[in-house]
Each structure stands twice: as C-alpha cells, then as structure tokens.
Protein backbone atom coordinates (compact mmCIF):
# COMPACT_ATOMS: atom_id res chain seq x y z
CA MET A 1 48.30 5.70 82.56
CA LYS A 2 48.87 1.89 81.22
CA ALA A 3 45.42 1.27 80.91
CA ALA A 4 44.34 4.23 79.25
CA VAL A 5 46.79 3.60 76.01
CA SER A 6 45.78 0.29 76.47
CA TRP A 7 42.06 0.89 75.74
CA GLY A 8 42.12 3.36 73.22
CA LEU A 9 45.05 1.09 71.13
CA ILE A 10 42.50 -1.32 71.00
CA ILE A 11 39.82 1.38 70.18
CA GLY A 12 41.46 2.56 67.55
CA ILE A 13 41.91 -1.10 66.15
CA SER A 14 37.72 -2.33 66.01
CA ILE A 15 37.68 0.76 64.04
CA GLY A 16 40.01 0.09 61.98
CA VAL A 17 38.97 -3.62 61.05
CA LEU A 18 35.46 -2.47 60.71
CA LEU A 19 36.40 0.70 58.29
CA GLY A 20 37.99 -2.88 56.31
CA LEU A 21 35.01 -4.63 56.60
CA ILE A 22 32.34 -2.37 55.49
CA LEU A 23 35.10 -0.96 52.55
CA ALA A 24 35.16 -4.87 51.42
CA ILE A 25 31.90 -5.28 51.90
CA THR A 26 31.15 -2.32 49.60
CA ALA A 27 33.64 -3.30 46.71
CA LEU A 28 31.86 -7.00 46.98
CA VAL A 29 27.99 -5.21 46.00
CA CYS A 30 30.14 -2.69 43.20
CA VAL A 31 31.83 -6.33 41.88
CA ILE A 32 28.04 -7.82 41.47
CA TYR A 33 25.27 -5.17 40.84
CA ASN A 34 28.05 -4.17 37.88
CA ARG A 35 27.75 -8.06 37.20
CA LYS A 36 24.17 -8.46 36.86
CA LYS A 37 24.42 -5.23 34.81
CA ARG A 38 27.05 -6.65 32.22
CA GLU A 39 24.18 -9.96 32.25
CA PHE A 40 21.51 -8.28 31.50
CA ALA A 41 22.98 -5.33 29.19
CA ILE A 42 24.13 -8.91 26.95
CA GLN A 43 20.33 -9.76 27.28
CA GLU A 44 19.09 -6.95 26.11
CA ILE A 45 21.63 -6.49 22.89
CA GLY A 46 19.87 -10.01 22.64
CA ILE A 47 22.78 -12.38 21.57
CA GLU A 48 24.18 -13.98 24.51
CA ASN A 49 28.28 -14.92 25.10
CA GLU A 50 27.54 -18.55 24.52
CA SER A 51 29.82 -19.37 27.87
CA ASN A 52 26.61 -17.73 29.82
CA THR A 53 24.13 -19.30 27.66
CA SER A 54 23.65 -20.95 24.38
CA TRP A 55 20.49 -19.42 23.47
CA ARG A 56 19.57 -15.64 22.12
CA ARG A 57 15.82 -13.72 22.79
CA SER A 58 14.35 -11.45 21.23
CA SER A 59 12.03 -8.87 23.98
CA ALA A 60 9.98 -7.50 22.02
CA LEU A 61 6.64 -7.61 23.94
CA ARG A 62 4.79 -8.67 20.64
CA SER A 63 3.67 -8.85 17.08
CA LEU A 64 1.03 -6.54 15.72
CA PRO A 65 0.37 -4.48 12.73
CA ILE A 66 2.17 -1.62 12.18
CA GLN A 67 1.25 0.87 9.80
CA ILE A 68 3.75 0.63 5.89
CA VAL A 69 7.12 2.06 6.33
CA ASN A 70 6.60 5.31 2.84
CA GLY A 71 9.88 5.34 0.83
CA SER A 72 10.77 8.63 2.36
CA ASN A 73 11.02 7.24 5.51
CA ALA A 74 14.45 5.34 4.84
CA GLU A 75 16.86 7.93 4.38
CA ALA A 76 20.12 6.46 2.85
CA PRO A 77 23.08 7.23 5.45
CA SER A 78 26.60 8.49 5.30
CA ASP A 79 29.79 6.57 3.36
CA SER A 80 30.62 6.47 6.69
CA SER A 81 28.45 4.73 8.93
CA LYS A 82 29.73 1.77 10.08
CA SER A 83 27.63 -1.49 10.36
CA GLU A 84 25.10 -1.44 12.94
CA LEU A 85 25.52 -6.05 12.94
CA GLN A 86 28.06 -5.30 15.24
CA ILE A 87 27.93 -9.89 16.12
CA GLU A 88 31.86 -10.70 17.25
CA SER A 89 30.71 -13.87 18.25
CA THR A 90 32.75 -17.27 16.17
CA VAL A 91 29.23 -19.01 15.17
CA ALA A 92 27.84 -15.68 14.47
CA LYS A 93 30.11 -14.85 12.35
CA ASN A 94 29.60 -18.45 10.29
CA VAL A 95 26.42 -18.68 10.01
CA LEU A 96 26.33 -15.04 8.55
CA SER A 97 29.78 -15.91 6.44
CA GLY A 98 27.00 -17.70 3.68
CA ILE A 99 24.53 -14.28 3.81
CA SER A 100 25.05 -12.02 0.81
CA LYS A 101 25.66 -8.44 2.82
CA TYR A 102 23.42 -5.90 0.25
CA SER A 103 24.27 -2.26 -0.16
CA TYR A 104 21.43 0.42 0.70
CA LYS A 105 21.59 2.62 -2.15
CA GLU A 106 21.81 -1.08 -3.84
CA LEU A 107 18.16 -1.99 -2.47
CA GLN A 108 16.76 1.15 -2.50
CA LYS A 109 17.60 0.58 -7.03
CA ALA A 110 15.82 -2.76 -6.15
CA THR A 111 12.68 -1.26 -5.13
CA ARG A 112 12.57 1.36 -6.98
CA ASN A 113 13.08 3.85 -4.27
CA PHE A 114 10.95 1.64 -1.84
CA THR A 115 7.31 2.44 -3.47
CA THR A 116 6.85 -1.29 -4.36
CA VAL A 117 5.02 -2.79 -0.95
CA ILE A 118 3.56 -5.81 -0.91
CA GLY A 119 2.56 -5.72 3.19
CA GLU A 120 4.16 -5.39 6.34
CA GLY A 121 6.20 -7.58 8.92
CA ALA A 122 5.64 -6.96 13.01
CA PHE A 123 7.86 -4.04 12.92
CA GLY A 124 8.45 -2.81 9.20
CA ALA A 125 6.80 -2.58 5.93
CA VAL A 126 7.27 -5.81 3.00
CA TYR A 127 9.23 -4.71 -0.71
CA LYS A 128 8.71 -6.46 -3.86
CA ALA A 129 12.29 -6.23 -4.94
CA TYR A 130 14.27 -7.22 -9.01
CA MET A 131 17.56 -7.87 -7.73
CA SER A 132 18.78 -7.59 -11.34
CA GLU A 133 22.70 -9.38 -10.36
CA ARG A 134 20.85 -12.39 -9.16
CA GLY A 135 18.53 -12.18 -12.22
CA GLU A 136 15.58 -12.23 -9.49
CA THR A 137 12.77 -10.95 -7.79
CA VAL A 138 12.98 -10.84 -4.36
CA ALA A 139 11.45 -9.73 -0.62
CA VAL A 140 13.01 -6.82 1.63
CA LYS A 141 11.88 -6.26 4.87
CA VAL A 142 12.54 -3.13 6.15
CA LEU A 143 12.85 -2.34 9.62
CA GLY A 144 11.60 0.96 11.60
CA ARG A 145 14.02 3.13 12.05
CA ASN A 146 14.85 4.35 15.34
CA SER A 147 12.68 1.10 16.64
CA LYS A 148 14.57 -0.92 19.45
CA GLN A 149 12.27 -4.39 18.61
CA GLY A 150 13.61 -4.14 15.42
CA GLU A 151 16.39 -3.72 15.46
CA LYS A 152 16.48 -7.04 18.44
CA GLU A 153 14.23 -9.37 15.42
CA PHE A 154 16.69 -8.42 13.21
CA LYS A 155 19.65 -9.72 14.37
CA THR A 156 17.60 -12.67 15.54
CA GLU A 157 16.54 -13.21 12.46
CA VAL A 158 19.06 -13.16 10.40
CA LEU A 159 21.50 -15.89 12.91
CA LEU A 160 18.92 -17.72 12.65
CA LEU A 161 17.67 -18.30 9.49
CA GLY A 162 20.90 -18.03 8.90
CA ARG A 163 21.60 -21.62 9.71
CA LEU A 164 17.64 -22.79 9.57
CA HIS A 165 16.78 -24.71 6.21
CA HIS A 166 14.39 -26.37 5.40
CA ARG A 167 11.79 -26.18 2.23
CA ASN A 168 8.68 -25.65 4.53
CA LEU A 169 10.68 -22.42 6.17
CA VAL A 170 11.36 -18.49 4.10
CA ASN A 171 15.41 -18.62 2.41
CA LEU A 172 16.68 -15.59 3.51
CA VAL A 173 18.85 -14.96 0.65
CA GLY A 174 20.93 -11.40 2.27
CA TYR A 175 20.65 -8.25 4.30
CA CYS A 176 21.57 -5.13 4.90
CA ASP A 177 22.63 -3.45 8.40
CA GLU A 178 23.89 -0.33 7.25
CA LYS A 179 23.54 2.45 9.79
CA LYS A 180 19.79 2.52 10.84
CA ASN A 181 18.92 0.33 7.43
CA ASN A 182 18.53 -3.00 8.78
CA MET A 183 16.36 -4.65 5.71
CA LEU A 184 16.30 -8.39 5.70
CA ILE A 185 15.83 -9.83 1.85
CA TYR A 186 13.84 -13.31 1.30
CA ASP A 187 12.59 -15.40 -1.53
CA TYR A 188 9.81 -13.83 -3.11
CA MET A 189 6.16 -15.94 -2.21
CA SER A 190 4.26 -14.66 -5.65
CA ASN A 191 1.01 -16.06 -3.81
CA GLY A 192 1.26 -14.22 -0.44
CA SER A 193 0.25 -14.96 2.42
CA LEU A 194 -2.42 -17.56 3.70
CA ALA A 195 -4.12 -14.60 6.11
CA SER A 196 -4.79 -13.28 2.48
CA HIS A 197 -6.39 -15.59 0.76
CA LEU A 198 -8.22 -17.27 3.91
CA TYR A 199 -10.08 -13.36 3.99
CA ARG A 200 -9.39 -12.92 0.41
CA GLN A 201 -7.57 -9.59 1.13
CA GLN A 202 -5.46 -9.28 -2.60
CA HIS A 203 -6.86 -12.17 -4.28
CA SER A 204 -10.44 -12.24 -5.99
CA GLU A 205 -9.92 -16.13 -7.23
CA GLU A 206 -12.42 -18.91 -5.25
CA ALA A 207 -11.48 -19.45 -1.60
CA LEU A 208 -8.51 -21.85 -1.04
CA CYS A 209 -9.89 -25.42 -2.17
CA TRP A 210 -10.13 -28.06 1.01
CA ASP A 211 -6.85 -30.10 -0.53
CA LEU A 212 -5.22 -27.30 -0.75
CA ARG A 213 -5.84 -26.27 3.27
CA ILE A 214 -4.87 -29.84 4.67
CA TYR A 215 -1.67 -29.58 2.10
CA ILE A 216 -0.98 -26.26 3.61
CA ALA A 217 -1.65 -26.96 7.05
CA LEU A 218 0.72 -30.49 6.51
CA ASP A 219 3.17 -27.99 5.51
CA VAL A 220 3.23 -25.58 8.47
CA ALA A 221 3.43 -28.59 10.43
CA ARG A 222 6.58 -30.10 8.92
CA ALA A 223 8.20 -26.79 9.47
CA ILE A 224 7.41 -26.21 13.17
CA GLU A 225 8.22 -30.16 14.48
CA TYR A 226 11.94 -28.71 12.14
CA LEU A 227 12.55 -25.92 14.41
CA HIS A 228 11.61 -28.67 17.10
CA ASP A 229 12.73 -31.53 16.97
CA GLY A 230 15.70 -30.69 14.15
CA ALA A 231 16.79 -28.24 14.60
CA VAL A 232 20.12 -27.81 17.34
CA PRO A 233 19.65 -26.28 19.27
CA ALA A 234 15.79 -25.89 18.75
CA VAL A 235 13.78 -23.46 18.30
CA ILE A 236 10.43 -22.33 19.59
CA HIS A 237 9.13 -19.85 17.15
CA LEU A 238 6.53 -18.00 19.21
CA ASP A 239 4.36 -16.25 16.60
CA ILE A 240 2.95 -19.07 14.05
CA LYS A 241 -0.17 -17.65 12.80
CA SER A 242 -1.51 -17.03 8.69
CA SER A 243 0.11 -13.71 8.26
CA ASN A 244 3.72 -15.99 8.64
CA VAL A 245 2.57 -18.47 6.18
CA LEU A 246 3.15 -17.26 3.27
CA LEU A 247 2.20 -19.17 -0.07
CA ASP A 248 5.70 -19.60 -2.87
CA GLY A 249 4.21 -20.35 -6.76
CA SER A 250 3.36 -24.00 -5.89
CA MET A 251 0.94 -22.98 -3.50
CA ARG A 252 3.42 -24.19 -1.03
CA ALA A 253 3.48 -22.95 2.84
CA ARG A 254 6.61 -22.03 3.99
CA VAL A 255 6.67 -20.16 7.59
CA ALA A 256 7.62 -16.48 8.54
CA ASP A 257 9.11 -13.72 10.37
CA PHE A 258 11.97 -15.28 12.95
CA GLY A 259 11.50 -12.33 15.36
CA LEU A 260 10.18 -13.27 18.44
CA SER A 261 11.68 -16.66 17.63
CA MET A 262 14.42 -17.39 20.68
CA GLU A 263 16.75 -21.07 21.00
CA GLU A 264 15.66 -23.14 23.89
CA LYS A 265 17.57 -24.18 26.60
CA PRO A 266 19.25 -27.64 26.97
CA ASN A 267 18.36 -29.87 28.98
CA ASN A 268 15.96 -27.01 30.41
CA ASN A 269 12.22 -27.26 28.45
CA SER A 270 10.19 -24.26 29.81
CA HIS A 271 11.35 -20.11 29.89
CA PRO A 272 10.79 -18.45 32.17
CA THR A 273 10.17 -14.33 30.39
CA ARG A 274 9.73 -11.05 31.69
CA ARG A 275 7.30 -10.31 28.48
CA ILE A 276 4.89 -11.87 26.73
CA LYS A 277 5.76 -12.25 23.23
CA GLY A 278 3.50 -13.25 20.34
CA THR A 279 0.01 -12.35 18.83
CA LEU A 280 -3.31 -11.24 20.37
CA GLY A 281 -5.48 -14.75 19.89
CA TYR A 282 -2.55 -16.95 18.96
CA VAL A 283 -0.97 -17.01 22.47
CA ASP A 284 -0.96 -19.98 24.47
CA PRO A 285 -3.45 -18.71 27.54
CA GLU A 286 -0.47 -21.13 29.72
CA TYR A 287 2.37 -18.78 29.00
CA ILE A 288 -0.01 -15.90 29.13
CA SER A 289 -0.54 -17.17 32.81
CA THR A 290 2.93 -18.56 33.82
CA LYS A 291 4.91 -16.51 31.45
CA THR A 292 6.28 -19.69 30.99
CA PHE A 293 6.48 -20.38 27.32
CA THR A 294 7.06 -24.68 25.46
CA LYS A 295 7.87 -25.75 22.54
CA LYS A 296 3.65 -26.53 23.36
CA SER A 297 3.18 -23.00 22.93
CA ASP A 298 3.82 -22.84 19.01
CA VAL A 299 1.66 -26.45 18.99
CA TYR A 300 -1.27 -24.13 20.90
CA SER A 301 -0.52 -21.85 17.71
CA PHE A 302 -0.85 -24.31 15.40
CA GLY A 303 -4.04 -25.15 16.51
CA ILE A 304 -5.42 -22.05 15.96
CA LEU A 305 -4.01 -22.49 12.78
CA LEU A 306 -5.80 -24.89 12.19
CA PHE A 307 -9.20 -23.91 13.30
CA GLU A 308 -8.52 -21.13 11.15
CA LEU A 309 -7.82 -23.43 7.79
CA ILE A 310 -11.51 -25.08 8.62
CA THR A 311 -13.02 -22.08 9.20
CA ALA A 312 -11.80 -19.21 7.66
CA ARG A 313 -12.22 -17.16 10.96
CA ASN A 314 -9.64 -14.53 12.60
CA PRO A 315 -8.83 -15.40 16.04
CA GLN A 316 -8.80 -11.42 16.58
CA GLN A 317 -12.68 -11.65 16.18
CA GLY A 318 -14.19 -14.99 17.90
CA LEU A 319 -12.83 -17.84 15.77
CA MET A 320 -12.32 -19.75 19.58
CA GLU A 321 -15.42 -19.13 20.40
CA TYR A 322 -17.36 -20.18 17.98
CA VAL A 323 -15.60 -22.99 18.32
CA GLN A 324 -16.20 -23.91 21.57
CA MET A 325 -20.05 -22.99 20.54
CA ALA A 326 -19.87 -25.81 18.15
CA THR A 327 -18.90 -28.65 20.35
CA LEU A 328 -21.18 -27.93 23.66
CA ASN A 329 -23.23 -30.35 22.18
CA CYS A 330 -21.19 -32.61 19.83
CA ASP A 331 -19.57 -35.92 20.73
CA GLY A 332 -16.67 -37.20 18.49
CA ARG A 333 -17.39 -36.63 15.05
CA VAL A 334 -20.27 -34.94 15.47
CA GLY A 335 -20.73 -30.63 15.33
CA TRP A 336 -17.68 -29.86 13.08
CA GLU A 337 -19.05 -29.38 10.24
CA ASP A 338 -21.56 -26.78 11.12
CA ILE A 339 -17.98 -24.50 11.22
CA VAL A 340 -16.81 -25.45 7.46
CA ASP A 341 -16.18 -22.82 6.32
CA PRO A 342 -19.21 -21.71 3.99
CA GLN A 343 -17.39 -21.35 0.62
CA LEU A 344 -16.10 -24.46 0.73
CA LYS A 345 -19.97 -24.78 -0.44
CA GLY A 346 -19.64 -28.57 0.38
CA ASP A 347 -16.72 -29.28 -1.58
CA TYR A 348 -14.74 -31.01 1.43
CA ASP A 349 -14.42 -34.93 3.26
CA LEU A 350 -16.27 -34.83 6.35
CA ASN A 351 -14.08 -37.71 7.51
CA GLU A 352 -10.80 -35.11 6.80
CA ILE A 353 -12.37 -32.14 8.73
CA ASN A 354 -13.18 -34.04 11.65
CA ILE A 355 -9.58 -35.37 11.61
CA MET A 356 -8.15 -31.80 11.55
CA ALA A 357 -10.26 -30.55 14.19
CA LYS A 358 -9.53 -33.23 16.82
CA LEU A 359 -6.30 -32.27 16.12
CA ALA A 360 -6.39 -28.70 16.40
CA TYR A 361 -9.30 -29.46 19.78
CA LYS A 362 -6.29 -31.29 21.41
CA CYS A 363 -3.90 -28.66 20.52
CA VAL A 364 -5.65 -25.97 21.68
CA SER A 365 -5.96 -27.45 24.84
CA ARG A 366 -5.50 -25.47 28.35
CA ILE A 367 -3.10 -27.82 29.30
CA SER A 368 0.31 -28.04 27.80
CA ARG A 369 1.17 -31.60 29.12
CA LYS A 370 -1.98 -33.23 27.17
CA ARG A 371 -0.93 -30.82 24.30
CA PRO A 372 0.30 -33.37 21.20
CA SER A 373 3.77 -32.76 19.68
CA MET A 374 4.57 -31.66 16.73
CA ARG A 375 5.80 -34.71 15.74
CA GLU A 376 2.44 -36.64 16.21
CA ALA A 377 0.57 -33.29 14.38
CA VAL A 378 2.20 -33.99 11.53
CA GLN A 379 1.48 -37.69 11.82
CA THR A 380 -2.18 -36.96 11.64
CA LEU A 381 -1.88 -34.89 9.39
CA SER A 382 -0.21 -37.73 7.31
CA GLY A 383 -2.82 -40.09 7.99
CA THR A 384 -5.23 -37.57 6.38
CA LEU A 385 -2.94 -38.19 3.06
CA LYS A 386 -2.95 -42.61 3.01
CA GLY A 387 -6.94 -42.33 1.03
CA PRO A 388 -6.91 -43.35 -2.43
CA ARG A 389 -7.89 -39.69 -3.00
CA HIS A 390 -4.11 -38.19 -2.24
CA LYS A 391 -1.65 -41.06 -2.45
CA GLU A 392 -0.31 -39.75 -5.48
CA ARG A 393 0.78 -37.18 -3.50
CA GLN A 394 3.24 -38.52 -2.35
CA HIS A 395 5.36 -38.38 -5.40
CA ARG A 396 4.60 -34.90 -5.69
CA ASP A 397 8.00 -33.78 -4.28
CA PHE A 398 9.82 -35.98 -7.01
CA LEU A 399 7.85 -35.35 -9.42
CA SER A 400 8.38 -31.30 -9.41
CA ILE A 401 4.75 -30.93 -10.61
CA SER A 402 3.03 -27.50 -9.16
CA LEU A 403 -0.59 -27.16 -7.04
CA ALA A 404 -1.04 -23.49 -8.85
CA ASP A 405 -2.42 -26.23 -11.73
CA ILE A 406 -5.15 -27.77 -9.50
CA ASP A 407 -8.27 -28.11 -11.03
CA THR A 408 -10.68 -26.01 -9.04
CA SER A 409 -13.13 -26.62 -11.44
CA LEU A 410 -13.78 -29.75 -10.11
CA SER A 411 -16.07 -30.76 -7.32
CA LEU A 412 -14.25 -33.19 -5.13
CA ASP A 413 -16.42 -35.57 -6.13
CA GLU A 414 -15.25 -35.09 -9.43
CA ARG A 415 -11.92 -34.80 -9.00
CA ARG A 416 -12.56 -38.75 -7.48
CA GLU A 417 -14.07 -39.78 -10.02
CA LYS A 418 -11.30 -38.58 -12.72
CA PHE A 419 -8.79 -40.04 -9.94
CA ASN A 420 -10.89 -43.71 -10.03
CA THR A 421 -11.44 -43.81 -13.76
CA ASN A 422 -8.39 -42.11 -15.53
CA GLY A 423 -5.22 -43.77 -16.78
CA SER A 424 -3.57 -40.89 -16.55
CA LEU A 425 -4.29 -40.43 -12.95
CA PRO A 426 -4.10 -37.01 -11.56
CA ILE A 427 -2.43 -36.33 -8.77
CA ASP A 428 -4.10 -33.92 -6.41
CA GLY A 429 -6.71 -32.82 -9.08
CA ILE A 430 -3.94 -31.78 -11.32
CA ALA A 431 -3.91 -33.32 -14.88
CA THR A 432 -0.59 -35.15 -15.92
CA ASN A 433 -0.02 -38.31 -18.25
CA THR A 434 2.53 -38.98 -16.42
CA LYS A 435 2.10 -43.01 -15.37
CA ILE A 436 2.41 -44.02 -11.87
CA SER A 437 2.25 -46.82 -10.00
CA PHE A 438 1.04 -47.23 -6.56
CA HIS A 439 2.79 -48.36 -3.28
CA SER A 440 0.85 -49.68 -0.48
C-alpha cells in the first residue's frame, strides 16, 4: 500500500514539474515573439528607438515615376485632426524645432488650390507656390494620400534634411503634416532638374554647354561627399539620378529627394536589406545581387550620372550598353569621344571628356571595392578645373557671379581666346570687369 502511494506521489510530482516547464517555455516564447514584433513595427515606421539603433530607414522598394496628383485629390482635413508626424525622440524634436510648420490651408492658398504643378517626385506631385509671409517662391511636394511608402518618405526627408546643411543639397524650409496630407516645402529651383535639360523636356534653349556639365558633376560629387564624409552619422542617398539633381537660378546643382536615404550604422560599412531601393538603371548591381548596400552604391549611381552628362542618354534606355560598345576597342584615352552628346557639336575639351569618362568607368566597376570614394571623385573633377581655362572658377563663390550669365554664344575656342587676350578675364565664360589676379 505504501509503495502504491509512493509511486502515485512521484508520478504526480513529475507531471506537475513537466506542466510547469511547458508553461515556462510557452511564456518565454511569447515574450520573445512580442519583443521581435515590437522591433519589427518600429523598423517599419522608419524611425527607430535610439537605444536599439542609431539609424533610420525607409523601406520603399524603389523610386519610379507615378502619375501627377491633381488638386482634387488633396482633400482638406477636419479641424479636429491630429498631427500625423508623431515623433517622440528628443533628437527628432530638436530637428523639427528649426523647421517651419504650415497648415493645409496656407499651402492650398500658396499653390492656388494645387493647380501649379511643376513636376512629380517618387511618391507625389510637386507644385510651385508663393509664400506671401516669406515673400518668396517655394516648391511644395505633396506626398500621395493613403500611401504607406509616402508616409515613410515624408518622415525620412524631414528628419534628414532638417539636420543636413550643404550648399549642394536642396534646402527644406518647412512641412505640413495634417491628417493624411503630408507635404514638404523646399527652396524653389528655378532651372528645374538636370534631366529636363539633358533631354530637353521643358526647355527650348540650347543644350547644356560642356563647362556647365563639369561644374554640375562637381557640385553633385561634393554633395555626396558631404553625405558620406561630412554628415554625422553618414548618410547613403540610394537614389542619385539626373531627375533628383535640381538647378537653381545660378545653375548650381543641388541633390534632392531623400525619401529612400538611410543613415549609416556605427562601425558597420555594409547594410543588408530585404528590399532593393533606387531607380532602375542607377542601382548598383552588387547591391541587387547581395541585397546589401554601402556608400559605394551611391558611387555607382554617380558614375552612371557622369556618363549621362557625357552622352545625354537615359540609363533606362541602354546607356551602359552604349558605353560598353565604346570601350570594346579602346585603350586609355581612345574611344570616349565616340559617345559624347552630339548636341555639343564638338564644342568640348577632349582631355576633360577622357578624365570624366575614366572616372565614371571606375565608379561603375562591378566590384564595389574597386570604385573610388566620393572624396577621390571630387579631387579628380576638381583637377579638370585647374587649367587656365577654368582657373578663375575657384573665385566664383566669393564673387557671387551667376552661371546663368555664361556666354554660350561663344564657342569653346572663342572663350579660350577671350580668356587669353581680355584683361578683364571672363570667369567660366562670364563677361566681367572685375580684375582678379591668378594664384598658383
């Protein structure tokens, strides 16, 4: 009898312990699952808790053209609507404190009820607007309503451009985040995008002269160099392309559209991702194959942009195949002249073509570690401007002379002759009476 009781007690205790272990394991699994779910949700929002990570991400798949949003699609929110930009971190609040916030009604009035369309971004239309209280013209990008990708792009751009400041980056002057109406307000770039000039989409004037193409390339290179080496933490743009290079009234280039951009992780130069971001024709092949991007992904896109400047051919319409054909039978300097934009009509410096083309070819190397850094790219392009023809370009920023005044009626040889004989020395082909001494 005692033996039976003893065995029953042992069995009961064993079953109890087993059930306890099962319950403990189940509870642990639930805790881990909920924690992972929370972390995933934070990543999907695109603004991560600083204790877990120091970089933000936008998980939009790629930047592809979409139809322009009509004014009728941008409905006014109710007065009781709450702000969509619910950003709680101290860093975010500090960034936003220096950016003006506008109401929907203010922007509706400034854009004449959203009828002044001037273009389209990755996730929404762009409007020209006059801000009467500021006394200046701006560009308003309206992100698509009910667009999850647009919401992420909005938050990424506000937080990044709120802290990034460089003369070759587009300047964010304000935002609106009333319910389901997210808008970004930028300085107005009166000369449109680089793409519109290269492909003569909206401009009837002559093609961009070669000098301007070099200066634009250098401006873009300096912008990316700042993102990679000047910003803290560093920023990888992930969507460098000609339609994201805007030209101001002085034809100075500024890089725009940071909706896909990401901040670099500390002590980590490569970043795995589940989705490929960017625009077809500009995306790094290594990034596509490994689903891991680095700063060199931007370098690849910049190389494509350089070839685009040289050829005025669209990367989505066989640009690289065209470049490869030109290199099949060439060695060193030979061959690049065959791919130069015919709109230039021979008015270019062949040595400068070779320098830019060689740099572009290095940038688009299939092996990312063989690509130059953006600092090296800036140095190479700067070197092309150290000759006598460009020497006075070094003083441009101090003199505030507009590139819009370049005398494009003169050929390259005529500008050189004028440079060598005119005592007043035209800067970049600009007629000026300012006397400037050369410096070695």
